Amino acid sequence: MGKVEAEIKEKKQQAKTLFADGLKYFANDEVIKAAASIHIACKLDPENKIFRDKYKEVRVLARKAKGLEFFSLAENAENYQNYGQAIEHYRKAVDYEVDEPQAYARLAYLLEKLDPDPREIVRLLQIAVQKSPENVEFRCRLGERYAAQGLTLNARREFNQALKLDKNNVRAKEGLSQL
């Protein structure tokens, strides 16, 4: 029994050390390292509520940071015309639910050009519009995709919303006239 208790005590001590390291990383804005360290602390001492609560908080921030990291990599790949890698990184950014609406719009654009899947393109543009409802370009692109799929009411709604935001938008006017 003494050996088991000693192992438990050792694991709890390792967990405390890792948790303290995680807090240091967190204080230095290294949220990805912080999340990893605190996650291991939680695994070593799963009943520690303080560890679990802090991990939930840090994990959200780490996912956001990782999403932005992939978004940045995608933009760089796209700038160097490495579109396959750009799509891969944009997909990862989207998987991390990055807050940047441009990630969804750029992925939709690249997929439209290189790997057309109408449903995925519409889904991505819908997310871009949700994250940036005042973006006229995103609304027009979504309207065009709806129109291409024969969803005229949805297309009309997006073009009208675009015109509410910019009453002189040529793209939205042309889109409505073609319905």
Foldseek 3Di string as FASTA:
>chain_A
DVVVVVQLVVLQVQLVVLQVVLVVCVVVVVLLSSLVSLVSSCVSPVVDPVSVVVNVVSVLVNLQVQLVVLQVVLVVCVVVVVLVSNLVSLVSSVVSVHLALVSLQVNLVSCVVPPDDLVSSLVSLVVSCVSPVLDLVSLLVNLVSCVVVVNNVSSLVSLVSSCVNPVPDPSSVVSNVVD
